[in-house]
């Protein structure tokens, strides 16, 4: 089918074949492979963005938690850590 958009060639190697077969029961076995690859790429990009955002938020929370005024450790013990480790 003609399209104004550029096409992307994708090699249907064993890993892609396995991925397509694994989602066929979910997305429907009658869907064309190109449609399934397109839909999975869109969903995968969204999932990757969400995962990255969650990771960045967790890192921000960890930084705030570990550098705040009430850290989860005893500052006095940390100050003497080398002495206490002997």
PDB file of N, CA and C in Angstrom:
ATOM      1  N   UNK A   1       0.842  -1.170   0.000  1.00  0.00           N
ATOM      2  CA  UNK A   1       0.000   0.000   0.000  1.00  0.00           C
ATOM      3  C   UNK A   1       0.895   1.243   0.000  1.00  0.00           C
ATOM      4  N   UNK A   2       0.674   2.163  -0.913  1.00  0.00           N
ATOM      5  CA  UNK A   2       1.479   3.376  -0.983  1.00  0.00           C
ATOM      6  C   UNK A   2       1.305   4.222   0.281  1.00  0.00           C
ATOM      7  N   UNK A   3       2.394   4.897   0.651  1.00  0.00           N
ATOM      8  CA  UNK A   3       2.367   5.745   1.830  1.00  0.00           C
ATOM      9  C   UNK A   3       3.279   6.924   1.606  1.00  0.00           C
ATOM     10  N   UNK A   4       2.947   8.044   2.222  1.00  0.00           N
ATOM     11  CA  UNK A   4       3.810   9.220   2.126  1.00  0.00           C
ATOM     12  C   UNK A   4       4.980   9.135   3.100  1.00  0.00           C
ATOM     13  N   UNK A   5       4.951   8.120   3.981  1.00  0.00           N
ATOM     14  CA  UNK A   5       5.990   7.958   4.994  1.00  0.00           C
ATOM     15  C   UNK A   5       7.066   6.994   4.509  1.00  0.00           C
ATOM     16  N   UNK A   6       8.301   7.240   4.966  1.00  0.00           N
ATOM     17  CA  UNK A   6       9.400   6.342   4.641  1.00  0.00           C
ATOM     18  C   UNK A   6       9.158   4.976   5.265  1.00  0.00           C
ATOM     19  N   UNK A   7       9.627   3.955   4.623  1.00  0.00           N
ATOM     20  CA  UNK A   7       9.522   2.595   5.150  1.00  0.00           C
ATOM     21  C   UNK A   7      10.842   2.219   5.816  1.00  0.00           C
ATOM     22  N   UNK A   8      10.747   1.295   6.759  1.00  0.00           N
ATOM     23  CA  UNK A   8      11.917   0.801   7.466  1.00  0.00           C
ATOM     24  C   UNK A   8      11.978  -0.703   7.243  1.00  0.00           C
ATOM     25  N   UNK A   9      13.089  -1.183   6.733  1.00  0.00           N
ATOM     26  CA  UNK A   9      13.251  -2.616   6.548  1.00  0.00           C
ATOM     27  C   UNK A   9      13.650  -3.272   7.866  1.00  0.00           C
ATOM     28  N   UNK A  10      12.967  -4.337   8.207  1.00  0.00           N
ATOM     29  CA  UNK A  10      13.272  -5.070   9.434  1.00  0.00           C
ATOM     30  C   UNK A  10      13.484  -6.530   9.065  1.00  0.00           C
ATOM     31  N   UNK A  11      14.592  -7.085   9.494  1.00  0.00           N
ATOM     32  CA  UNK A  11      14.900  -8.482   9.201  1.00  0.00           C
ATOM     33  C   UNK A  11      14.111  -9.372  10.153  1.00  0.00           C
ATOM     34  N   UNK A  12      13.426 -10.343   9.586  1.00  0.00           N
ATOM     35  CA  UNK A  12      12.630 -11.258  10.408  1.00  0.00           C
ATOM     36  C   UNK A  12      13.531 -12.419  10.826  1.00  0.00           C
ATOM     37  N   UNK A  13      14.377 -12.138  11.798  1.00  0.00           N
ATOM     38  CA  UNK A  13      15.290 -13.148  12.313  1.00  0.00           C
ATOM     39  C   UNK A  13      14.567 -14.005  13.360  1.00  0.00           C
ATOM     40  N   UNK A  14      15.235 -15.015  13.910  1.00  0.00           N
ATOM     41  CA  UNK A  14      14.569 -15.880  14.885  1.00  0.00           C
ATOM     42  C   UNK A  14      14.037 -15.129  16.110  1.00  0.00           C
ATOM     43  N   UNK A  15      14.744 -14.113  16.588  1.00  0.00           N
ATOM     44  CA  UNK A  15      14.280 -13.373  17.763  1.00  0.00           C
ATOM     45  C   UNK A  15      12.997 -12.605  17.454  1.00  0.00           C
ATOM     46  N   UNK A  16      12.928 -11.969  16.282  1.00  0.00           N
ATOM     47  CA  UNK A  16      11.721 -11.241  15.901  1.00  0.00           C
ATOM     48  C   UNK A  16      10.569 -12.208  15.664  1.00  0.00           C
ATOM     49  N   UNK A  17      10.847 -13.317  15.019  1.00  0.00           N
ATOM     50  CA  UNK A  17       9.811 -14.325  14.790  1.00  0.00           C
ATOM     51  C   UNK A  17       9.241 -14.808  16.117  1.00  0.00           C
ATOM     52  N   UNK A  18      10.122 -15.074  17.068  1.00  0.00           N
ATOM     53  CA  UNK A  18       9.666 -15.523  18.393  1.00  0.00           C
ATOM     54  C   UNK A  18       8.819 -14.445  19.070  1.00  0.00           C
ATOM     55  N   UNK A  19       9.250 -13.191  18.972  1.00  0.00           N
ATOM     56  CA  UNK A  19       8.493 -12.090  19.573  1.00  0.00           C
ATOM     57  C   UNK A  19       7.111 -11.962  18.941  1.00  0.00           C
ATOM     58  N   UNK A  20       7.053 -12.039  17.625  1.00  0.00           N
ATOM     59  CA  UNK A  20       5.763 -11.940  16.935  1.00  0.00           C
ATOM     60  C   UNK A  20       4.841 -13.093  17.303  1.00  0.00           C
ATOM     61  N   UNK A  21       5.406 -14.292  17.365  1.00  0.00           N
ATOM     62  CA  UNK A  21       4.593 -15.456  17.732  1.00  0.00           C
ATOM     63  C   UNK A  21       4.093 -15.359  19.170  1.00  0.00           C
ATOM     64  N   UNK A  22       4.900 -14.764  20.036  1.00  0.00           N
ATOM     65  CA  UNK A  22       4.522 -14.679  21.450  1.00  0.00           C
ATOM     66  C   UNK A  22       3.371 -13.707  21.695  1.00  0.00           C
ATOM     67  N   UNK A  23       3.217 -12.709  20.833  1.00  0.00           N
ATOM     68  CA  UNK A  23       2.128 -11.746  21.013  1.00  0.00           C
ATOM     69  C   UNK A  23       0.931 -12.025  20.114  1.00  0.00           C
ATOM     70  N   UNK A  24       1.046 -12.982  19.219  1.00  0.00           N
ATOM     71  CA  UNK A  24      -0.059 -13.303  18.321  1.00  0.00           C
ATOM     72  C   UNK A  24      -1.347 -13.636  19.083  1.00  0.00           C
ATOM     73  N   UNK A  25      -1.291 -14.419  20.182  1.00  0.00           N
ATOM     74  CA  UNK A  25      -2.523 -14.695  20.913  1.00  0.00           C
ATOM     75  C   UNK A  25      -3.130 -13.435  21.552  1.00  0.00           C
ATOM     76  N   UNK A  26      -2.332 -12.441  21.793  1.00  0.00           N
ATOM     77  CA  UNK A  26      -2.804 -11.211  22.434  1.00  0.00           C
ATOM     78  C   UNK A  26      -3.325 -10.223  21.393  1.00  0.00           C
ATOM     79  N   UNK A  27      -2.557 -10.029  20.330  1.00  0.00           N
ATOM     80  CA  UNK A  27      -2.899  -9.025  19.326  1.00  0.00           C
ATOM     81  C   UNK A  27      -3.711  -9.584  18.168  1.00  0.00           C
ATOM     82  N   UNK A  28      -3.783 -10.883  18.083  1.00  0.00           N
ATOM     83  CA  UNK A  28      -4.521 -11.511  16.992  1.00  0.00           C
ATOM     84  C   UNK A  28      -3.591 -12.065  15.936  1.00  0.00           C
ATOM     85  N   UNK A  29      -3.780 -13.303  15.618  1.00  0.00           N
ATOM     86  CA  UNK A  29      -2.898 -13.974  14.662  1.00  0.00           C
ATOM     87  C   UNK A  29      -3.113 -13.473  13.242  1.00  0.00           C
ATOM     88  N   UNK A  30      -4.246 -12.822  12.975  1.00  0.00           N
ATOM     89  CA  UNK A  30      -4.534 -12.386  11.605  1.00  0.00           C
ATOM     90  C   UNK A  30      -3.934 -11.023  11.267  1.00  0.00           C
ATOM     91  N   UNK A  31      -3.399 -10.332  12.258  1.00  0.00           N
ATOM     92  CA  UNK A  31      -2.816  -9.015  11.992  1.00  0.00           C
ATOM     93  C   UNK A  31      -1.541  -9.175  11.173  1.00  0.00           C
ATOM     94  N   UNK A  32      -1.340  -8.349  10.164  1.00  0.00           N
ATOM     95  CA  UNK A  32      -0.111  -8.413   9.375  1.00  0.00           C
ATOM     96  C   UNK A  32       1.118  -8.151  10.253  1.00  0.00           C
ATOM     97  N   UNK A  33       2.205  -8.828   9.941  1.00  0.00           N
ATOM     98  CA  UNK A  33       3.430  -8.694  10.727  1.00  0.00           C
ATOM     99  C   UNK A  33       3.881  -7.233  10.802  1.00  0.00           C
ATOM    100  N   UNK A  34       3.775  -6.507   9.713  1.00  0.00           N
ATOM    101  CA  UNK A  34       4.205  -5.103   9.710  1.00  0.00           C
ATOM    102  C   UNK A  34       3.378  -4.272  10.684  1.00  0.00           C
ATOM    103  N   UNK A  35       2.097  -4.551  10.785  1.00  0.00           N
ATOM    104  CA  UNK A  35       1.223  -3.841  11.724  1.00  0.00           C
ATOM    105  C   UNK A  35       1.606  -4.163  13.154  1.00  0.00           C
ATOM    106  N   UNK A  36       1.887  -5.437  13.416  1.00  0.00           N
ATOM    107  CA  UNK A  36       2.275  -5.854  14.765  1.00  0.00           C
ATOM    108  C   UNK A  36       3.607  -5.208  15.141  1.00  0.00           C
ATOM    109  N   UNK A  37       4.577  -5.211  14.233  1.00  0.00           N
ATOM    110  CA  UNK A  37       5.882  -4.587  14.509  1.00  0.00           C
ATOM    111  C   UNK A  37       5.697  -3.095  14.778  1.00  0.00           C
ATOM    112  N   UNK A  38       4.883  -2.440  13.984  1.00  0.00           N
ATOM    113  CA  UNK A  38       4.595  -1.014  14.171  1.00  0.00           C
ATOM    114  C   UNK A  38       3.998  -0.771  15.556  1.00  0.00           C
ATOM    115  N   UNK A  39       2.965  -1.526  15.900  1.00  0.00           N
ATOM    116  CA  UNK A  39       2.295  -1.341  17.190  1.00  0.00           C
ATOM    117  C   UNK A  39       3.230  -1.627  18.358  1.00  0.00           C
ATOM    118  N   UNK A  40       4.039  -2.678  18.232  1.00  0.00           N
ATOM    119  CA  UNK A  40       4.987  -3.001  19.298  1.00  0.00           C
ATOM    120  C   UNK A  40       6.057  -1.923  19.444  1.00  0.00           C
ATOM    121  N   UNK A  41       6.482  -1.335  18.345  1.00  0.00           N
ATOM    122  CA  UNK A  41       7.479  -0.256  18.412  1.00  0.00           C
ATOM    123  C   UNK A  41       6.904   0.952  19.146  1.00  0.00           C
ATOM    124  N   UNK A  42       5.660   1.305  18.851  1.00  0.00           N
ATOM    125  CA  UNK A  42       5.010   2.434  19.513  1.00  0.00           C
ATOM    126  C   UNK A  42       4.860   2.146  21.007  1.00  0.00           C
ATOM    127  N   UNK A  43       4.364   0.947  21.327  1.00  0.00           N
ATOM    128  CA  UNK A  43       4.184   0.575  22.735  1.00  0.00           C
ATOM    129  C   UNK A  43       5.526   0.463  23.464  1.00  0.00           C
ATOM    130  N   UNK A  44       6.525  -0.080  22.790  1.00  0.00           N
ATOM    131  CA  UNK A  44       7.845  -0.213  23.398  1.00  0.00           C
ATOM    132  C   UNK A  44       8.479   1.142  23.681  1.00  0.00           C
ATOM    133  N   UNK A  45       8.317   2.088  22.767  1.00  0.00           N
ATOM    134  CA  UNK A  45       8.861   3.432  22.973  1.00  0.00           C
ATOM    135  C   UNK A  45       8.185   4.093  24.169  1.00  0.00           C
ATOM    136  N   UNK A  46       6.871   3.942  24.280  1.00  0.00           N
ATOM    137  CA  UNK A  46       6.137   4.508  25.411  1.00  0.00           C
ATOM    138  C   UNK A  46       6.597   3.871  26.719  1.00  0.00           C
ATOM    139  N   UNK A  47       6.742   2.554  26.725  1.00  0.00           N
ATOM    140  CA  UNK A  47       7.191   1.846  27.931  1.00  0.00           C
ATOM    141  C   UNK A  47       8.602   2.279  28.318  1.00  0.00           C
ATOM    142  N   UNK A  48       9.469   2.468  27.347  1.00  0.00           N
ATOM    143  CA  UNK A  48      10.837   2.898  27.622  1.00  0.00           C
ATOM    144  C   UNK A  48      10.870   4.306  28.212  1.00  0.00           C
ATOM    145  N   UNK A  49      10.042   5.206  27.664  1.00  0.00           N
ATOM    146  CA  UNK A  49       9.965   6.559  28.219  1.00  0.00           C
ATOM    147  C   UNK A  49       9.454   6.534  29.657  1.00  0.00           C
ATOM    148  N   UNK A  50       8.422   5.735  29.909  1.00  0.00           N
ATOM    149  CA  UNK A  50       7.877   5.639  31.265  1.00  0.00           C
ATOM    150  C   UNK A  50       8.892   5.037  32.232  1.00  0.00           C
ATOM    151  N   UNK A  51       9.590   4.000  31.799  1.00  0.00           N
ATOM    152  CA  UNK A  51      10.623   3.371  32.637  1.00  0.00           C
ATOM    153  C   UNK A  51      11.733   4.362  32.966  1.00  0.00           C
ATOM    154  N   UNK A  52      12.147   5.140  31.973  1.00  0.00           N
ATOM    155  CA  UNK A  52      13.194   6.138  32.178  1.00  0.00           C
ATOM    156  C   UNK A  52      12.724   7.217  33.150  1.00  0.00           C
ATOM    157  N   UNK A  53      11.490   7.669  32.995  1.00  0.00           N
ATOM    158  CA  UNK A  53      10.949   8.679  33.910  1.00  0.00           C
ATOM    159  C   UNK A  53      10.880   8.149  35.331  1.00  0.00           C
ATOM    160  N   UNK A  54      10.422   6.899  35.498  1.00  0.00           N
ATOM    161  CA  UNK A  54      10.355   6.299  36.835  1.00  0.00           C
ATOM    162  C   UNK A  54      11.745   6.200  37.448  1.00  0.00           C
ATOM    163  N   UNK A  55      12.712   5.775  36.661  1.00  0.00           N
ATOM    164  CA  UNK A  55      14.089   5.653  37.158  1.00  0.00           C
ATOM    165  C   UNK A  55      14.636   7.012  37.578  1.00  0.00           C
ATOM    166  N   UNK A  56      14.427   8.028  36.749  1.00  0.00           N
ATOM    167  CA  UNK A  56      14.905   9.367  37.083  1.00  0.00           C
ATOM    168  C   UNK A  56      14.242   9.879  38.363  1.00  0.00           C
ATOM    169  N   UNK A  57      12.949   9.643  38.526  1.00  0.00           N
ATOM    170  CA  UNK A  57      12.239  10.064  39.733  1.00  0.00           C
ATOM    171  C   UNK A  57      12.771   9.330  40.956  1.00  0.00           C
ATOM    172  N   UNK A  58      13.014   8.037  40.829  1.00  0.00           N
ATOM    173  CA  UNK A  58      13.562   7.267  41.950  1.00  0.00           C
ATOM    174  C   UNK A  58      14.962   7.758  42.322  1.00  0.00           C
ATOM    175  N   UNK A  59      15.770   8.081  41.330  1.00  0.00           N
ATOM    176  CA  UNK A  59      17.105   8.611  41.606  1.00  0.00           C
ATOM    177  C   UNK A  59      17.031   9.972  42.302  1.00  0.00           C
ATOM    178  N   UNK A  60      16.075  10.816  41.883  1.00  0.00           N
ATOM    179  CA  UNK A  60      15.885  12.110  42.555  1.00  0.00           C
ATOM    180  C   UNK A  60      15.477  11.903  44.015  1.00  0.00           C
ATOM    181  N   UNK A  61      14.552  10.958  44.234  1.00  0.00           N
ATOM    182  CA  UNK A  61      14.109  10.667  45.606  1.00  0.00           C
ATOM    183  C   UNK A  61      15.259  10.122  46.443  1.00  0.00           C
ATOM    184  N   UNK A  62      16.064   9.240  45.865  1.00  0.00           N
ATOM    185  CA  UNK A  62      17.208   8.680  46.579  1.00  0.00           C
ATOM    186  C   UNK A  62      18.216   9.769  46.938  1.00  0.00           C
ATOM    187  N   UNK A  63      18.468  10.663  45.997  1.00  0.00           N
ATOM    188  CA  UNK A  63      19.405  11.765  46.259  1.00  0.00           C
ATOM    189  C   UNK A  63      18.872  12.655  47.381  1.00  0.00           C
ATOM    190  N   UNK A  64      17.588  12.986  47.333  1.00  0.00           N
ATOM    191  CA  UNK A  64      17.000  13.827  48.381  1.00  0.00           C
ATOM    192  C   UNK A  64      17.022  13.110  49.721  1.00  0.00           C
ATOM    193  N   UNK A  65      16.703  11.839  49.718  1.00  0.00           N
ATOM    194  CA  UNK A  65      16.668  11.029  50.947  1.00  0.00           C
ATOM    195  C   UNK A  65      18.046  10.922  51.578  1.00  0.00           C
ATOM    196  N   UNK A  66      19.068  10.718  50.745  1.00  0.00           N
ATOM    197  CA  UNK A  66      20.414  10.481  51.271  1.00  0.00           C
ATOM    198  C   UNK A  66      21.178  11.763  51.581  1.00  0.00           C
ATOM    199  N   UNK A  67      20.713  12.902  51.107  1.00  0.00           N
ATOM    200  CA  UNK A  67      21.416  14.161  51.372  1.00  0.00           C
ATOM    201  C   UNK A  67      20.596  15.125  52.213  1.00  0.00           C
ATOM    202  N   UNK A  68      19.426  14.690  52.649  1.00  0.00           N
ATOM    203  CA  UNK A  68      18.543  15.548  53.431  1.00  0.00           C
ATOM    204  C   UNK A  68      19.033  15.752  54.862  1.00  0.00           C
ATOM    205  N   UNK A  69      18.259  16.496  55.616  1.00  0.00           N
ATOM    206  CA  UNK A  69      18.603  16.807  57.000  1.00  0.00           C
ATOM    207  C   UNK A  69      18.423  15.623  57.939  1.00  0.00           C
ATOM    208  N   UNK A  70      17.668  14.629  57.527  1.00  0.00           N
ATOM    209  CA  UNK A  70      17.399  13.478  58.385  1.00  0.00           C
ATOM    210  C   UNK A  70      17.756  12.185  57.641  1.00  0.00           C
ATOM    211  N   UNK A  71      19.065  11.940  57.430  1.00  0.00           N
ATOM    212  CA  UNK A  71      19.464  10.743  56.675  1.00  0.00           C
ATOM    213  C   UNK A  71      19.142   9.470  57.461  1.00  0.00           C
ATOM    214  N   UNK A  72      19.066   8.340  56.782  1.00  0.00           N
ATOM    215  CA  UNK A  72      18.700   7.077  57.434  1.00  0.00           C
ATOM    216  C   UNK A  72      19.864   6.415  58.168  1.00  0.00           C
ATOM    217  N   UNK A  73      20.882   7.177  58.521  1.00  0.00           N
ATOM    218  CA  UNK A  73      22.015   6.651  59.275  1.00  0.00           C
ATOM    219  C   UNK A  73      22.405   7.687  60.334  1.00  0.00           C
ATOM    220  N   UNK A  74      23.185   7.258  61.256  1.00  0.00           N
ATOM    221  CA  UNK A  74      23.637   8.138  62.333  1.00  0.00           C
ATOM    222  C   UNK A  74      24.832   8.946  61.831  1.00  0.00           C
ATOM    223  N   UNK A  75      24.690  10.258  61.701  1.00  0.00           N
ATOM    224  CA  UNK A  75      25.784  11.086  61.197  1.00  0.00           C
ATOM    225  C   UNK A  75      27.046  10.990  62.055  1.00  0.00           C
ATOM    226  N   UNK A  76      26.884  10.818  63.357  1.00  0.00           N
ATOM    227  CA  UNK A  76      28.050  10.700  64.234  1.00  0.00           C
ATOM    228  C   UNK A  76      28.832   9.429  63.931  1.00  0.00           C
ATOM    229  N   UNK A  77      28.126   8.344  63.685  1.00  0.00           N
ATOM    230  CA  UNK A  77      28.788   7.089  63.343  1.00  0.00           C
ATOM    231  C   UNK A  77      29.491   7.233  61.995  1.00  0.00           C
ATOM    232  N   UNK A  78      28.838   7.851  61.061  1.00  0.00           N
ATOM    233  CA  UNK A  78      29.448   8.058  59.745  1.00  0.00           C
ATOM    234  C   UNK A  78      30.709   8.903  59.863  1.00  0.00           C
ATOM    235  N   UNK A  79      30.682   9.885  60.714  1.00  0.00           N
ATOM    236  CA  UNK A  79      31.844  10.750  60.919  1.00  0.00           C
ATOM    237  C   UNK A  79      33.039   9.945  61.440  1.00  0.00           C
ATOM    238  N   UNK A  80      32.782   8.887  62.197  1.00  0.00           N
ATOM    239  CA  UNK A  80      33.843   8.083  62.817  1.00  0.00           C
ATOM    240  C   UNK A  80      33.993   6.713  62.141  1.00  0.00           C
ATOM    241  N   UNK A  81      33.504   6.570  60.937  1.00  0.00           N
ATOM    242  CA  UNK A  81      33.454   5.258  60.286  1.00  0.00           C
ATOM    243  C   UNK A  81      34.825   4.602  60.170  1.00  0.00           C
ATOM    244  N   UNK A  82      35.867   5.367  59.834  1.00  0.00           N
ATOM    245  CA  UNK A  82      37.202   4.781  59.694  1.00  0.00           C
ATOM    246  C   UNK A  82      37.708   4.282  61.043  1.00  0.00           C
ATOM    247  N   UNK A  83      37.482   5.067  62.055  1.00  0.00           N
ATOM    248  CA  UNK A  83      37.908   4.684  63.423  1.00  0.00           C
ATOM    249  C   UNK A  83      37.148   3.435  63.897  1.00  0.00           C
ATOM    250  N   UNK A  84      35.863   3.398  63.639  1.00  0.00           N
ATOM    251  CA  UNK A  84      35.045   2.270  64.102  1.00  0.00           C
ATOM    252  C   UNK A  84      35.301   1.004  63.297  1.00  0.00           C
ATOM    253  N   UNK A  85      35.794   1.137  62.096  1.00  0.00           N
ATOM    254  CA  UNK A  85      36.011  -0.031  61.241  1.00  0.00           C
ATOM    255  C   UNK A  85      37.246  -0.814  61.629  1.00  0.00           C
ATOM    256  N   UNK A  86      38.104  -0.252  62.419  1.00  0.00           N
ATOM    257  CA  UNK A  86      39.342  -0.926  62.811  1.00  0.00           C
ATOM    258  C   UNK A  86      39.121  -1.974  63.852  1.00  0.00           C
TER     259      UNK A  86
END
